[in-house]
């Protein structure tokens, strides 16, 4: 009998909600023998905004964001390995919702597990907008973890 969730796409942002989603995804993957594809997308529009307001170059901001992204991904990778769950970590650039939807199609994902932000302010609204776009345009089921 084929597994229901062979590939689970897990967008990783480093937020508390993202880590709760990672815990859930790892437990689900362990139960179903699934592979997790952990994805962090560096938002290029945020890179430009931060460069304008921080006095740093876009390249410096990008390096900092990339280091943070790999830190989040490696943390989730260790969580998965501790539970003997297969995992692949990917870092991409662009708009997060577009990166998520592109990888979903490219990799033949069976499920997306997304952590819902409770944050207020610009970051919280942006994450909510990304989630809404993924929900509207995904060809796979999307599970939202609160």
C-alpha atoms as a PDB file:
ATOM      1  CA  UNK A   1       0.000   0.000   0.000  1.00  0.00           C
ATOM      2  CA  UNK A   2       1.529   3.378  -0.978  1.00  0.00           C
ATOM      3  CA  UNK A   3       2.193   5.886   1.755  1.00  0.00           C
ATOM      4  CA  UNK A   4      -0.201   8.813   1.925  1.00  0.00           C
ATOM      5  CA  UNK A   5       2.536  11.386   2.508  1.00  0.00           C
ATOM      6  CA  UNK A   6       5.746  10.430   0.749  1.00  0.00           C
ATOM      7  CA  UNK A   7       7.064  13.998   0.639  1.00  0.00           C
ATOM      8  CA  UNK A   8       6.178  16.699   3.142  1.00  0.00           C
ATOM      9  CA  UNK A   9       7.217  20.272   2.370  1.00  0.00           C
ATOM     10  CA  UNK A  10       8.009  22.249   5.504  1.00  0.00           C
ATOM     11  CA  UNK A  11       8.620  25.994   5.090  1.00  0.00           C
ATOM     12  CA  UNK A  12      11.042  27.015   7.853  1.00  0.00           C
ATOM     13  CA  UNK A  13      11.357  30.574   9.128  1.00  0.00           C
ATOM     14  CA  UNK A  14      12.819  30.160  12.602  1.00  0.00           C
ATOM     15  CA  UNK A  15       9.692  31.514  14.291  1.00  0.00           C
ATOM     16  CA  UNK A  16       8.116  29.724  17.244  1.00  0.00           C
ATOM     17  CA  UNK A  17       5.201  28.700  15.000  1.00  0.00           C
ATOM     18  CA  UNK A  18       7.587  27.366  12.381  1.00  0.00           C
ATOM     19  CA  UNK A  19       9.306  25.211  15.000  1.00  0.00           C
ATOM     20  CA  UNK A  20       5.931  23.885  16.219  1.00  0.00           C
ATOM     21  CA  UNK A  21       5.138  22.971  12.610  1.00  0.00           C
ATOM     22  CA  UNK A  22       8.539  21.247  12.362  1.00  0.00           C
ATOM     23  CA  UNK A  23       7.782  19.154  15.468  1.00  0.00           C
ATOM     24  CA  UNK A  24       4.427  18.148  14.019  1.00  0.00           C
ATOM     25  CA  UNK A  25       5.899  17.366  10.587  1.00  0.00           C
ATOM     26  CA  UNK A  26       8.649  15.218  12.093  1.00  0.00           C
ATOM     27  CA  UNK A  27       6.161  13.212  14.149  1.00  0.00           C
ATOM     28  CA  UNK A  28       3.902  12.746  11.121  1.00  0.00           C
ATOM     29  CA  UNK A  29       6.849  11.758   8.914  1.00  0.00           C
ATOM     30  CA  UNK A  30       8.052   9.271  11.519  1.00  0.00           C
ATOM     31  CA  UNK A  31       4.593   7.665  11.664  1.00  0.00           C
ATOM     32  CA  UNK A  32       4.180   7.468   7.870  1.00  0.00           C
ATOM     33  CA  UNK A  33       7.796   6.846   6.805  1.00  0.00           C
ATOM     34  CA  UNK A  34       7.764  10.144   4.930  1.00  0.00           C
ATOM     35  CA  UNK A  35      10.567  12.388   3.772  1.00  0.00           C
ATOM     36  CA  UNK A  36      10.589  16.018   4.893  1.00  0.00           C
ATOM     37  CA  UNK A  37      11.764  18.730   2.559  1.00  0.00           C
ATOM     38  CA  UNK A  38      12.621  21.710   4.765  1.00  0.00           C
ATOM     39  CA  UNK A  39      12.685  24.961   2.799  1.00  0.00           C
ATOM     40  CA  UNK A  40      13.822  28.425   3.812  1.00  0.00           C
ATOM     41  CA  UNK A  41      13.232  31.202   1.277  1.00  0.00           C
ATOM     42  CA  UNK A  42      15.205  34.418   1.619  1.00  0.00           C
ATOM     43  CA  UNK A  43      12.800  37.182   0.725  1.00  0.00           C
ATOM     44  CA  UNK A  44      14.629  39.385  -1.763  1.00  0.00           C
ATOM     45  CA  UNK A  45      12.204  42.276  -1.218  1.00  0.00           C
ATOM     46  CA  UNK A  46      13.123  42.267   2.495  1.00  0.00           C
ATOM     47  CA  UNK A  47      16.819  42.275   1.566  1.00  0.00           C
ATOM     48  CA  UNK A  48      16.288  45.484  -0.425  1.00  0.00           C
ATOM     49  CA  UNK A  49      14.243  47.128   2.355  1.00  0.00           C
ATOM     50  CA  UNK A  50      16.785  46.282   5.043  1.00  0.00           C
ATOM     51  CA  UNK A  51      19.642  47.531   2.881  1.00  0.00           C
ATOM     52  CA  UNK A  52      17.864  50.863   2.368  1.00  0.00           C
ATOM     53  CA  UNK A  53      17.250  51.377   6.072  1.00  0.00           C
ATOM     54  CA  UNK A  54      20.331  49.812   7.687  1.00  0.00           C
ATOM     55  CA  UNK A  55      23.178  51.389   5.761  1.00  0.00           C
ATOM     56  CA  UNK A  56      24.458  47.912   4.857  1.00  0.00           C
ATOM     57  CA  UNK A  57      24.814  46.694   1.303  1.00  0.00           C
ATOM     58  CA  UNK A  58      22.274  44.245  -0.132  1.00  0.00           C
ATOM     59  CA  UNK A  59      25.114  41.699  -0.273  1.00  0.00           C
ATOM     60  CA  UNK A  60      25.831  42.068   3.455  1.00  0.00           C
ATOM     61  CA  UNK A  61      22.137  41.707   4.314  1.00  0.00           C
ATOM     62  CA  UNK A  62      21.837  38.677   2.036  1.00  0.00           C
ATOM     63  CA  UNK A  63      24.803  36.965   3.733  1.00  0.00           C
ATOM     64  CA  UNK A  64      23.287  37.575   7.188  1.00  0.00           C
ATOM     65  CA  UNK A  65      19.887  36.267   6.079  1.00  0.00           C
ATOM     66  CA  UNK A  66      21.484  33.237   4.421  1.00  0.00           C
ATOM     67  CA  UNK A  67      23.425  32.402   7.604  1.00  0.00           C
ATOM     68  CA  UNK A  68      20.210  32.665   9.635  1.00  0.00           C
ATOM     69  CA  UNK A  69      18.328  30.534   7.104  1.00  0.00           C
ATOM     70  CA  UNK A  70      20.925  27.756   7.210  1.00  0.00           C
ATOM     71  CA  UNK A  71      20.916  27.939  11.023  1.00  0.00           C
ATOM     72  CA  UNK A  72      17.127  27.334  11.063  1.00  0.00           C
ATOM     73  CA  UNK A  73      17.382  24.560   8.479  1.00  0.00           C
ATOM     74  CA  UNK A  74      20.212  22.756  10.264  1.00  0.00           C
ATOM     75  CA  UNK A  75      18.269  22.921  13.527  1.00  0.00           C
ATOM     76  CA  UNK A  76      15.259  21.241  11.885  1.00  0.00           C
ATOM     77  CA  UNK A  77      17.583  18.736  10.202  1.00  0.00           C
ATOM     78  CA  UNK A  78      19.014  17.731  13.593  1.00  0.00           C
ATOM     79  CA  UNK A  79      15.486  17.372  15.014  1.00  0.00           C
ATOM     80  CA  UNK A  80      14.581  15.052  12.130  1.00  0.00           C
ATOM     81  CA  UNK A  81      17.788  13.006  12.392  1.00  0.00           C
ATOM     82  CA  UNK A  82      17.245  12.577  16.140  1.00  0.00           C
ATOM     83  CA  UNK A  83      13.887  10.975  15.222  1.00  0.00           C
ATOM     84  CA  UNK A  84      15.343   8.940  12.336  1.00  0.00           C
ATOM     85  CA  UNK A  85      13.278  10.864   9.784  1.00  0.00           C
ATOM     86  CA  UNK A  86      14.571  11.392   6.250  1.00  0.00           C
ATOM     87  CA  UNK A  87      15.084  15.080   5.506  1.00  0.00           C
ATOM     88  CA  UNK A  88      16.425  17.317   2.765  1.00  0.00           C
ATOM     89  CA  UNK A  89      17.184  20.976   3.477  1.00  0.00           C
ATOM     90  CA  UNK A  90      16.892  23.649   0.776  1.00  0.00           C
ATOM     91  CA  UNK A  91      17.566  27.378   0.771  1.00  0.00           C
ATOM     92  CA  UNK A  92      16.139  29.534  -1.996  1.00  0.00           C
ATOM     93  CA  UNK A  93      15.750  33.210  -2.901  1.00  0.00           C
ATOM     94  CA  UNK A  94      12.664  35.158  -3.976  1.00  0.00           C
ATOM     95  CA  UNK A  95       9.211  35.653  -2.535  1.00  0.00           C
ATOM     96  CA  UNK A  96       8.488  32.930   0.048  1.00  0.00           C
ATOM     97  CA  UNK A  97       5.050  32.021  -1.313  1.00  0.00           C
ATOM     98  CA  UNK A  98       6.423  31.675  -4.844  1.00  0.00           C
ATOM     99  CA  UNK A  99       9.358  29.580  -3.623  1.00  0.00           C
ATOM    100  CA  UNK A 100       7.043  27.276  -1.675  1.00  0.00           C
ATOM    101  CA  UNK A 101       4.676  26.798  -4.614  1.00  0.00           C
ATOM    102  CA  UNK A 102       7.530  26.257  -7.079  1.00  0.00           C
ATOM    103  CA  UNK A 103       9.202  23.605  -4.912  1.00  0.00           C
ATOM    104  CA  UNK A 104       5.828  21.935  -4.303  1.00  0.00           C
ATOM    105  CA  UNK A 105       5.421  21.379  -8.040  1.00  0.00           C
ATOM    106  CA  UNK A 106       9.075  20.616  -8.850  1.00  0.00           C
ATOM    107  CA  UNK A 107       9.407  17.997  -6.119  1.00  0.00           C
ATOM    108  CA  UNK A 108       5.980  16.344  -6.265  1.00  0.00           C
ATOM    109  CA  UNK A 109       5.067  17.168  -2.685  1.00  0.00           C
ATOM    110  CA  UNK A 110       2.108  15.358  -1.071  1.00  0.00           C
ATOM    111  CA  UNK A 111       1.547  17.771   1.836  1.00  0.00           C
ATOM    112  CA  UNK A 112       2.679  21.217   2.969  1.00  0.00           C
ATOM    113  CA  UNK A 113       2.878  21.876   6.704  1.00  0.00           C
ATOM    114  CA  UNK A 114       2.929  25.578   7.530  1.00  0.00           C
ATOM    115  CA  UNK A 115       3.296  27.287  10.912  1.00  0.00           C
ATOM    116  CA  UNK A 116       0.757  30.089  11.323  1.00  0.00           C
ATOM    117  CA  UNK A 117       2.207  33.261  12.785  1.00  0.00           C
ATOM    118  CA  UNK A 118       0.493  34.929  15.686  1.00  0.00           C
ATOM    119  CA  UNK A 119       2.762  37.916  15.198  1.00  0.00           C
ATOM    120  CA  UNK A 120       1.446  41.381  14.780  1.00  0.00           C
ATOM    121  CA  UNK A 121       3.020  44.097  12.729  1.00  0.00           C
ATOM    122  CA  UNK A 122       4.597  43.893   9.316  1.00  0.00           C
ATOM    123  CA  UNK A 123       6.225  40.457   9.742  1.00  0.00           C
ATOM    124  CA  UNK A 124       3.011  38.836  10.984  1.00  0.00           C
ATOM    125  CA  UNK A 125       0.923  40.340   8.194  1.00  0.00           C
ATOM    126  CA  UNK A 126       3.482  39.271   5.596  1.00  0.00           C
ATOM    127  CA  UNK A 127       3.545  35.672   6.848  1.00  0.00           C
ATOM    128  CA  UNK A 128      -0.266  35.613   6.838  1.00  0.00           C
ATOM    129  CA  UNK A 129      -0.316  36.928   3.260  1.00  0.00           C
ATOM    130  CA  UNK A 130       2.202  34.259   2.194  1.00  0.00           C
ATOM    131  CA  UNK A 131       0.121  31.550   3.870  1.00  0.00           C
ATOM    132  CA  UNK A 132      -3.038  32.803   2.164  1.00  0.00           C
ATOM    133  CA  UNK A 133      -1.351  32.702  -1.252  1.00  0.00           C
ATOM    134  CA  UNK A 134      -0.071  29.170  -0.614  1.00  0.00           C
ATOM    135  CA  UNK A 135      -3.547  28.049   0.497  1.00  0.00           C
ATOM    136  CA  UNK A 136      -5.129  29.581  -2.611  1.00  0.00           C
ATOM    137  CA  UNK A 137      -2.623  28.234  -5.141  1.00  0.00           C
ATOM    138  CA  UNK A 138      -1.305  24.939  -3.770  1.00  0.00           C
ATOM    139  CA  UNK A 139      -2.101  21.730  -5.623  1.00  0.00           C
ATOM    140  CA  UNK A 140      -1.348  19.734  -2.455  1.00  0.00           C
ATOM    141  CA  UNK A 141      -3.166  19.711   0.864  1.00  0.00           C
ATOM    142  CA  UNK A 142      -1.880  22.364   3.281  1.00  0.00           C
ATOM    143  CA  UNK A 143      -1.895  21.740   7.010  1.00  0.00           C
ATOM    144  CA  UNK A 144      -1.664  24.870   9.150  1.00  0.00           C
ATOM    145  CA  UNK A 145      -0.229  24.462  12.650  1.00  0.00           C
ATOM    146  CA  UNK A 146      -1.254  27.108  15.186  1.00  0.00           C
END
